[in-house]
Amino acid sequence: MEQKVESPFLLLLQRHLHGETAGGESLREAFVSLDHLLVDIASDLQITYDGPGVGLGKQADLHRLRIAEHHWTGTERVWGLAVCSYAGRGEPRSEWRIQRASRERLPVILRALPEFFRGYAELADRDRQGRGSGKRLHDIALLLER
């Protein structure tokens, strides 16, 4: 059976999830690469996904990982991943790209990634069957859960 060669940043995230101490800067760098990958996947699939909570303390669901077309600055609208605020009514507000989150929130985001990828892959299967992007989501989910 052919062995798939995986992206170094995903292998780093996997190691951090399974016990290797996550240094702030190496984790941020891995999140930058993950952010770029998810822009590509989200742009292909164009489905909104409300992922797991990444809030701090007792307000875990106040901030969540979310795939959507985010409005960042000026006229910049881009599909991708963001930490969004679910405070108030209406549409969740895009707060930060994952690599821009606070030092305290970085490990919370890291621990949420397996659930995030599992859920996003299931949604892609349901709404955009047969897409290569959906298969890639499954591959990443499996990697992060190993």
N, C-alpha and C. Protein backbone atom coordinates (compact mmCIF):
# COMPACT_ATOMS: atom_id res chain seq x y z
N MET A 1 0.84 -1.17 0.00
CA MET A 1 0.00 0.00 0.00
C MET A 1 0.89 1.24 0.00
N GLU A 2 0.51 2.23 -0.78
CA GLU A 2 1.29 3.46 -0.90
C GLU A 2 1.11 4.33 0.34
N GLN A 3 2.21 4.83 0.88
CA GLN A 3 2.19 5.71 2.06
C GLN A 3 2.02 7.15 1.59
N LYS A 4 1.03 7.85 2.12
CA LYS A 4 0.80 9.24 1.75
C LYS A 4 1.77 10.12 2.53
N VAL A 5 2.42 11.04 1.85
CA VAL A 5 3.30 12.00 2.49
C VAL A 5 2.44 13.18 2.90
N GLU A 6 2.47 13.52 4.18
CA GLU A 6 1.61 14.57 4.71
C GLU A 6 2.38 15.87 4.89
N SER A 7 1.66 16.97 4.88
CA SER A 7 2.25 18.30 5.06
C SER A 7 2.90 18.40 6.43
N PRO A 8 4.11 18.97 6.49
CA PRO A 8 4.82 19.10 7.78
C PRO A 8 4.02 19.84 8.84
N PHE A 9 3.27 20.86 8.46
CA PHE A 9 2.52 21.61 9.48
C PHE A 9 1.40 20.77 10.08
N LEU A 10 0.80 19.88 9.29
CA LEU A 10 -0.24 18.99 9.84
C LEU A 10 0.38 17.95 10.77
N LEU A 11 1.54 17.46 10.42
CA LEU A 11 2.24 16.51 11.31
C LEU A 11 2.62 17.19 12.62
N LEU A 12 3.02 18.45 12.55
CA LEU A 12 3.34 19.21 13.76
C LEU A 12 2.09 19.36 14.64
N LEU A 13 0.96 19.69 14.03
CA LEU A 13 -0.29 19.81 14.80
C LEU A 13 -0.65 18.47 15.44
N GLN A 14 -0.48 17.39 14.69
CA GLN A 14 -0.76 16.06 15.22
C GLN A 14 0.12 15.78 16.45
N ARG A 15 1.40 16.08 16.35
CA ARG A 15 2.31 15.84 17.48
C ARG A 15 1.91 16.69 18.69
N HIS A 16 1.55 17.94 18.46
CA HIS A 16 1.13 18.81 19.56
C HIS A 16 -0.15 18.28 20.22
N LEU A 17 -1.05 17.75 19.41
CA LEU A 17 -2.30 17.18 19.95
C LEU A 17 -2.05 15.95 20.81
N HIS A 18 -0.97 15.25 20.52
CA HIS A 18 -0.73 13.98 21.20
C HIS A 18 0.48 14.04 22.13
N GLY A 19 0.67 15.20 22.76
CA GLY A 19 1.62 15.25 23.85
C GLY A 19 2.83 16.12 23.69
N GLU A 20 3.25 16.40 22.47
CA GLU A 20 4.43 17.26 22.32
C GLU A 20 4.04 18.68 22.73
N THR A 21 4.87 19.30 23.54
CA THR A 21 4.58 20.65 24.02
C THR A 21 4.47 21.60 22.84
N ALA A 22 3.39 22.36 22.85
CA ALA A 22 3.12 23.29 21.77
C ALA A 22 3.71 24.66 22.09
N GLY A 23 4.81 25.00 21.42
CA GLY A 23 5.38 26.32 21.56
C GLY A 23 4.54 27.32 20.81
N GLY A 24 4.36 28.50 21.37
CA GLY A 24 3.48 29.51 20.79
C GLY A 24 3.81 29.86 19.35
N GLU A 25 5.08 30.12 19.05
CA GLU A 25 5.42 30.53 17.69
C GLU A 25 5.32 29.39 16.69
N SER A 26 5.73 28.18 17.06
CA SER A 26 5.61 27.07 16.11
C SER A 26 4.14 26.75 15.84
N LEU A 27 3.31 26.89 16.87
CA LEU A 27 1.88 26.66 16.70
C LEU A 27 1.26 27.74 15.81
N ARG A 28 1.63 28.99 16.01
CA ARG A 28 1.13 30.07 15.16
C ARG A 28 1.54 29.85 13.70
N GLU A 29 2.78 29.44 13.48
CA GLU A 29 3.24 29.19 12.11
C GLU A 29 2.45 28.05 11.46
N ALA A 30 2.17 27.00 12.24
CA ALA A 30 1.36 25.90 11.71
C ALA A 30 -0.06 26.37 11.41
N PHE A 31 -0.59 27.26 12.26
CA PHE A 31 -1.93 27.80 12.03
C PHE A 31 -1.98 28.68 10.79
N VAL A 32 -0.90 29.39 10.47
CA VAL A 32 -0.85 30.18 9.24
C VAL A 32 -1.02 29.25 8.04
N SER A 33 -0.26 28.16 8.02
CA SER A 33 -0.36 27.19 6.92
C SER A 33 -1.74 26.54 6.88
N LEU A 34 -2.29 26.22 8.04
CA LEU A 34 -3.62 25.63 8.10
C LEU A 34 -4.66 26.62 7.58
N ASP A 35 -4.51 27.88 7.93
CA ASP A 35 -5.42 28.92 7.46
C ASP A 35 -5.42 28.98 5.92
N HIS A 36 -4.24 28.95 5.31
CA HIS A 36 -4.14 28.98 3.85
C HIS A 36 -4.81 27.76 3.22
N LEU A 37 -4.58 26.59 3.80
CA LEU A 37 -5.20 25.37 3.30
C LEU A 37 -6.72 25.47 3.36
N LEU A 38 -7.22 25.98 4.49
CA LEU A 38 -8.68 26.06 4.66
C LEU A 38 -9.31 27.13 3.79
N VAL A 39 -8.58 28.17 3.42
CA VAL A 39 -9.10 29.14 2.46
C VAL A 39 -9.37 28.43 1.14
N ASP A 40 -8.43 27.59 0.71
CA ASP A 40 -8.60 26.85 -0.54
C ASP A 40 -9.79 25.88 -0.47
N ILE A 41 -9.86 25.13 0.62
CA ILE A 41 -10.94 24.15 0.77
C ILE A 41 -12.29 24.84 0.87
N ALA A 42 -12.37 25.87 1.72
CA ALA A 42 -13.64 26.57 1.93
C ALA A 42 -14.09 27.28 0.66
N SER A 43 -13.14 27.83 -0.10
CA SER A 43 -13.48 28.49 -1.36
C SER A 43 -14.06 27.50 -2.36
N ASP A 44 -13.55 26.28 -2.34
CA ASP A 44 -14.07 25.24 -3.23
C ASP A 44 -15.46 24.79 -2.80
N LEU A 45 -15.64 24.54 -1.50
CA LEU A 45 -16.91 23.98 -1.03
C LEU A 45 -18.01 25.04 -0.88
N GLN A 46 -17.66 26.22 -0.43
CA GLN A 46 -18.58 27.32 -0.18
C GLN A 46 -19.83 26.90 0.59
N ILE A 47 -19.57 26.27 1.75
CA ILE A 47 -20.64 25.95 2.68
C ILE A 47 -20.24 26.47 4.06
N THR A 48 -21.18 27.07 4.74
CA THR A 48 -20.92 27.59 6.08
C THR A 48 -20.96 26.45 7.08
N TYR A 49 -19.99 26.46 7.97
CA TYR A 49 -19.91 25.42 9.00
C TYR A 49 -19.61 26.08 10.34
N ASP A 50 -20.50 25.88 11.30
CA ASP A 50 -20.30 26.35 12.67
C ASP A 50 -19.68 25.22 13.46
N GLY A 51 -18.41 25.37 13.78
CA GLY A 51 -17.65 24.33 14.44
C GLY A 51 -17.69 24.43 15.96
N PRO A 52 -16.76 23.75 16.60
CA PRO A 52 -16.75 23.68 18.06
C PRO A 52 -16.37 25.00 18.73
N GLY A 53 -16.76 25.08 20.01
CA GLY A 53 -16.43 26.26 20.80
C GLY A 53 -14.95 26.33 21.11
N VAL A 54 -14.43 27.55 21.09
CA VAL A 54 -13.04 27.80 21.46
C VAL A 54 -12.96 28.99 22.41
N GLY A 55 -14.04 29.19 23.17
CA GLY A 55 -14.05 30.25 24.16
C GLY A 55 -13.21 29.87 25.36
N LEU A 56 -12.95 30.85 26.19
CA LEU A 56 -12.13 30.63 27.37
C LEU A 56 -13.00 30.51 28.61
N GLY A 57 -12.58 29.67 29.53
CA GLY A 57 -13.29 29.53 30.80
C GLY A 57 -14.68 28.95 30.64
N LYS A 58 -15.62 29.56 31.36
CA LYS A 58 -16.99 29.05 31.37
C LYS A 58 -17.80 29.46 30.15
N GLN A 59 -17.21 30.26 29.28
CA GLN A 59 -17.93 30.73 28.09
C GLN A 59 -17.38 30.07 26.82
N ALA A 60 -17.30 28.74 26.86
CA ALA A 60 -16.68 27.98 25.76
C ALA A 60 -17.38 28.21 24.43
N ASP A 61 -18.70 28.41 24.43
CA ASP A 61 -19.42 28.56 23.17
C ASP A 61 -19.58 30.01 22.73
N LEU A 62 -19.05 30.96 23.50
CA LEU A 62 -19.12 32.37 23.12
C LEU A 62 -18.28 32.63 21.87
N HIS A 63 -17.18 31.91 21.73
CA HIS A 63 -16.35 31.96 20.52
C HIS A 63 -16.26 30.55 19.95
N ARG A 64 -16.43 30.47 18.62
CA ARG A 64 -16.40 29.18 17.96
C ARG A 64 -15.60 29.28 16.67
N LEU A 65 -15.09 28.12 16.24
CA LEU A 65 -14.46 28.05 14.92
C LEU A 65 -15.57 28.04 13.88
N ARG A 66 -15.39 28.83 12.83
CA ARG A 66 -16.45 28.92 11.83
C ARG A 66 -15.87 29.07 10.44
N ILE A 67 -16.39 28.26 9.53
CA ILE A 67 -16.09 28.40 8.10
C ILE A 67 -17.23 29.20 7.49
N ALA A 68 -16.87 30.28 6.82
CA ALA A 68 -17.87 31.13 6.16
C ALA A 68 -17.12 32.07 5.23
N GLU A 69 -17.88 32.90 4.54
CA GLU A 69 -17.27 33.98 3.79
C GLU A 69 -17.15 35.15 4.76
N HIS A 70 -15.95 35.36 5.27
CA HIS A 70 -15.70 36.37 6.30
C HIS A 70 -15.38 37.71 5.67
N HIS A 71 -15.85 38.76 6.32
CA HIS A 71 -15.56 40.13 5.90
C HIS A 71 -14.50 40.66 6.85
N TRP A 72 -13.30 40.91 6.32
CA TRP A 72 -12.19 41.32 7.18
C TRP A 72 -11.98 42.81 7.18
N THR A 73 -11.41 43.37 6.15
CA THR A 73 -11.15 44.81 6.11
C THR A 73 -11.61 45.36 4.77
N GLY A 74 -12.11 46.58 4.81
CA GLY A 74 -12.55 47.20 3.57
C GLY A 74 -13.52 46.32 2.83
N THR A 75 -13.14 45.95 1.63
CA THR A 75 -14.01 45.10 0.80
C THR A 75 -13.54 43.65 0.77
N GLU A 76 -12.55 43.31 1.61
CA GLU A 76 -12.03 41.93 1.61
C GLU A 76 -13.05 40.96 2.19
N ARG A 77 -13.53 40.11 1.33
CA ARG A 77 -14.42 39.02 1.73
C ARG A 77 -13.75 37.74 1.24
N VAL A 78 -13.55 36.80 2.15
CA VAL A 78 -12.86 35.58 1.75
C VAL A 78 -13.43 34.39 2.52
N TRP A 79 -13.62 33.28 1.80
CA TRP A 79 -14.03 32.05 2.44
C TRP A 79 -12.85 31.52 3.24
N GLY A 80 -13.12 31.03 4.43
CA GLY A 80 -12.06 30.45 5.24
C GLY A 80 -12.52 30.24 6.66
N LEU A 81 -11.53 30.05 7.53
CA LEU A 81 -11.76 29.76 8.95
C LEU A 81 -11.50 31.01 9.77
N ALA A 82 -12.34 31.22 10.77
CA ALA A 82 -12.13 32.31 11.72
C ALA A 82 -12.65 31.90 13.08
N VAL A 83 -12.13 32.55 14.09
CA VAL A 83 -12.73 32.48 15.42
C VAL A 83 -13.80 33.56 15.41
N CYS A 84 -15.04 33.15 15.66
CA CYS A 84 -16.17 34.07 15.58
C CYS A 84 -16.85 34.21 16.94
N SER A 85 -17.39 35.40 17.17
CA SER A 85 -18.13 35.69 18.39
C SER A 85 -19.60 35.37 18.16
N TYR A 86 -20.18 34.64 19.09
CA TYR A 86 -21.59 34.29 19.03
C TYR A 86 -22.38 35.05 20.10
N ALA A 87 -21.84 36.19 20.53
CA ALA A 87 -22.53 37.05 21.49
C ALA A 87 -23.56 37.87 20.73
N GLY A 88 -24.68 38.10 21.34
CA GLY A 88 -25.70 38.91 20.70
C GLY A 88 -26.53 38.12 19.72
N ARG A 89 -27.28 38.86 18.93
CA ARG A 89 -28.19 38.24 17.97
C ARG A 89 -27.66 38.42 16.57
N GLY A 90 -28.23 37.67 15.67
CA GLY A 90 -27.85 37.80 14.27
C GLY A 90 -26.65 36.94 13.93
N GLU A 91 -26.03 37.30 12.82
CA GLU A 91 -24.91 36.55 12.28
C GLU A 91 -23.70 36.64 13.22
N PRO A 92 -23.01 35.51 13.44
CA PRO A 92 -21.78 35.56 14.25
C PRO A 92 -20.76 36.53 13.63
N ARG A 93 -20.01 37.20 14.48
CA ARG A 93 -19.03 38.18 14.03
C ARG A 93 -17.64 37.55 13.93
N SER A 94 -17.00 37.71 12.78
CA SER A 94 -15.63 37.23 12.58
C SER A 94 -14.69 38.07 13.42
N GLU A 95 -13.97 37.41 14.34
CA GLU A 95 -13.07 38.14 15.24
C GLU A 95 -11.62 38.04 14.80
N TRP A 96 -11.11 36.80 14.65
CA TRP A 96 -9.69 36.61 14.35
C TRP A 96 -9.49 35.42 13.43
N ARG A 97 -8.46 35.51 12.62
CA ARG A 97 -7.94 34.31 11.97
C ARG A 97 -7.27 33.51 13.09
N ILE A 98 -7.19 32.20 12.95
CA ILE A 98 -6.73 31.37 14.07
C ILE A 98 -5.33 31.73 14.54
N GLN A 99 -4.44 32.10 13.64
CA GLN A 99 -3.07 32.41 14.03
C GLN A 99 -2.97 33.74 14.78
N ARG A 100 -4.03 34.54 14.78
CA ARG A 100 -4.03 35.84 15.46
C ARG A 100 -4.70 35.78 16.84
N ALA A 101 -5.15 34.61 17.23
CA ALA A 101 -5.81 34.45 18.53
C ALA A 101 -4.80 34.65 19.66
N SER A 102 -5.31 34.89 20.84
CA SER A 102 -4.45 35.11 22.00
C SER A 102 -3.66 33.85 22.35
N ARG A 103 -2.58 34.05 23.06
CA ARG A 103 -1.73 32.94 23.49
C ARG A 103 -2.53 31.92 24.30
N GLU A 104 -3.47 32.40 25.12
CA GLU A 104 -4.30 31.50 25.95
C GLU A 104 -5.26 30.68 25.09
N ARG A 105 -5.68 31.23 23.97
CA ARG A 105 -6.67 30.55 23.14
C ARG A 105 -6.04 29.56 22.16
N LEU A 106 -4.75 29.72 21.84
CA LEU A 106 -4.10 28.82 20.88
C LEU A 106 -4.26 27.34 21.23
N PRO A 107 -3.97 26.92 22.48
CA PRO A 107 -4.15 25.49 22.78
C PRO A 107 -5.61 25.04 22.75
N VAL A 108 -6.53 25.96 23.02
CA VAL A 108 -7.96 25.63 22.95
C VAL A 108 -8.33 25.34 21.49
N ILE A 109 -7.84 26.17 20.59
CA ILE A 109 -8.08 25.95 19.16
C ILE A 109 -7.47 24.62 18.72
N LEU A 110 -6.25 24.39 19.13
CA LEU A 110 -5.56 23.13 18.79
C LEU A 110 -6.40 21.93 19.20
N ARG A 111 -6.88 21.91 20.44
CA ARG A 111 -7.66 20.77 20.93
C ARG A 111 -9.00 20.62 20.21
N ALA A 112 -9.51 21.71 19.63
CA ALA A 112 -10.80 21.66 18.92
C ALA A 112 -10.66 21.14 17.49
N LEU A 113 -9.44 21.08 16.96
CA LEU A 113 -9.26 20.73 15.55
C LEU A 113 -9.79 19.36 15.14
N PRO A 114 -9.57 18.29 15.92
CA PRO A 114 -10.14 17.00 15.48
C PRO A 114 -11.66 17.04 15.31
N GLU A 115 -12.36 17.63 16.28
CA GLU A 115 -13.82 17.75 16.18
C GLU A 115 -14.20 18.65 15.01
N PHE A 116 -13.47 19.73 14.84
CA PHE A 116 -13.73 20.66 13.74
C PHE A 116 -13.65 19.94 12.39
N PHE A 117 -12.55 19.22 12.15
CA PHE A 117 -12.37 18.56 10.86
C PHE A 117 -13.37 17.42 10.66
N ARG A 118 -13.68 16.70 11.72
CA ARG A 118 -14.66 15.62 11.61
C ARG A 118 -16.02 16.20 11.19
N GLY A 119 -16.46 17.25 11.86
CA GLY A 119 -17.75 17.86 11.54
C GLY A 119 -17.80 18.51 10.17
N TYR A 120 -16.72 19.18 9.80
CA TYR A 120 -16.68 19.84 8.49
C TYR A 120 -16.68 18.80 7.37
N ALA A 121 -15.97 17.70 7.57
CA ALA A 121 -15.94 16.62 6.58
C ALA A 121 -17.33 16.00 6.42
N GLU A 122 -18.04 15.80 7.53
CA GLU A 122 -19.39 15.24 7.46
C GLU A 122 -20.33 16.17 6.70
N LEU A 123 -20.21 17.48 6.95
CA LEU A 123 -21.05 18.45 6.25
C LEU A 123 -20.72 18.45 4.75
N ALA A 124 -19.44 18.39 4.41
CA ALA A 124 -19.03 18.36 3.00
C ALA A 124 -19.58 17.10 2.31
N ASP A 125 -19.58 15.97 3.02
CA ASP A 125 -20.14 14.73 2.46
C ASP A 125 -21.62 14.90 2.15
N ARG A 126 -22.31 15.56 3.04
CA ARG A 126 -23.76 15.72 2.88
C ARG A 126 -24.10 16.75 1.80
N ASP A 127 -23.39 17.89 1.79
CA ASP A 127 -23.77 18.99 0.91
C ASP A 127 -23.00 19.07 -0.41
N ARG A 128 -21.80 18.48 -0.46
CA ARG A 128 -20.97 18.56 -1.67
C ARG A 128 -20.29 17.21 -1.93
N GLN A 129 -21.11 16.20 -2.08
CA GLN A 129 -20.60 14.83 -2.26
C GLN A 129 -19.61 14.73 -3.41
N GLY A 130 -18.59 13.89 -3.19
CA GLY A 130 -17.67 13.55 -4.25
C GLY A 130 -16.58 14.57 -4.55
N ARG A 131 -16.51 15.63 -3.77
CA ARG A 131 -15.50 16.66 -4.01
C ARG A 131 -14.17 16.23 -3.40
N GLY A 132 -13.08 16.53 -4.07
CA GLY A 132 -11.75 16.26 -3.54
C GLY A 132 -11.50 16.98 -2.23
N SER A 133 -12.08 18.16 -2.08
CA SER A 133 -11.92 18.91 -0.83
C SER A 133 -12.51 18.16 0.36
N GLY A 134 -13.62 17.49 0.14
CA GLY A 134 -14.23 16.70 1.20
C GLY A 134 -13.36 15.53 1.61
N LYS A 135 -12.76 14.88 0.62
CA LYS A 135 -11.85 13.78 0.93
C LYS A 135 -10.65 14.30 1.72
N ARG A 136 -10.14 15.46 1.35
CA ARG A 136 -9.00 16.04 2.07
C ARG A 136 -9.38 16.32 3.52
N LEU A 137 -10.58 16.80 3.76
CA LEU A 137 -11.03 17.04 5.13
C LEU A 137 -11.03 15.74 5.94
N HIS A 138 -11.50 14.65 5.33
CA HIS A 138 -11.49 13.35 6.00
C HIS A 138 -10.07 12.90 6.31
N ASP A 139 -9.16 13.08 5.36
CA ASP A 139 -7.76 12.70 5.58
C ASP A 139 -7.16 13.46 6.76
N ILE A 140 -7.44 14.75 6.83
CA ILE A 140 -6.90 15.56 7.93
C ILE A 140 -7.53 15.14 9.25
N ALA A 141 -8.84 14.91 9.24
CA ALA A 141 -9.51 14.47 10.48
C ALA A 141 -8.90 13.18 11.00
N LEU A 142 -8.67 12.22 10.11
CA LEU A 142 -8.06 10.94 10.51
C LEU A 142 -6.64 11.15 11.07
N LEU A 143 -5.87 11.98 10.41
CA LEU A 143 -4.51 12.26 10.86
C LEU A 143 -4.51 12.85 12.27
N LEU A 144 -5.38 13.82 12.51
CA LEU A 144 -5.38 14.50 13.81
C LEU A 144 -5.93 13.62 14.93
N GLU A 145 -6.71 12.62 14.58
CA GLU A 145 -7.27 11.73 15.60
C GLU A 145 -6.35 10.57 15.93
N ARG A 146 -5.32 10.32 15.10
CA ARG A 146 -4.40 9.20 15.35
C ARG A 146 -3.44 9.53 16.45
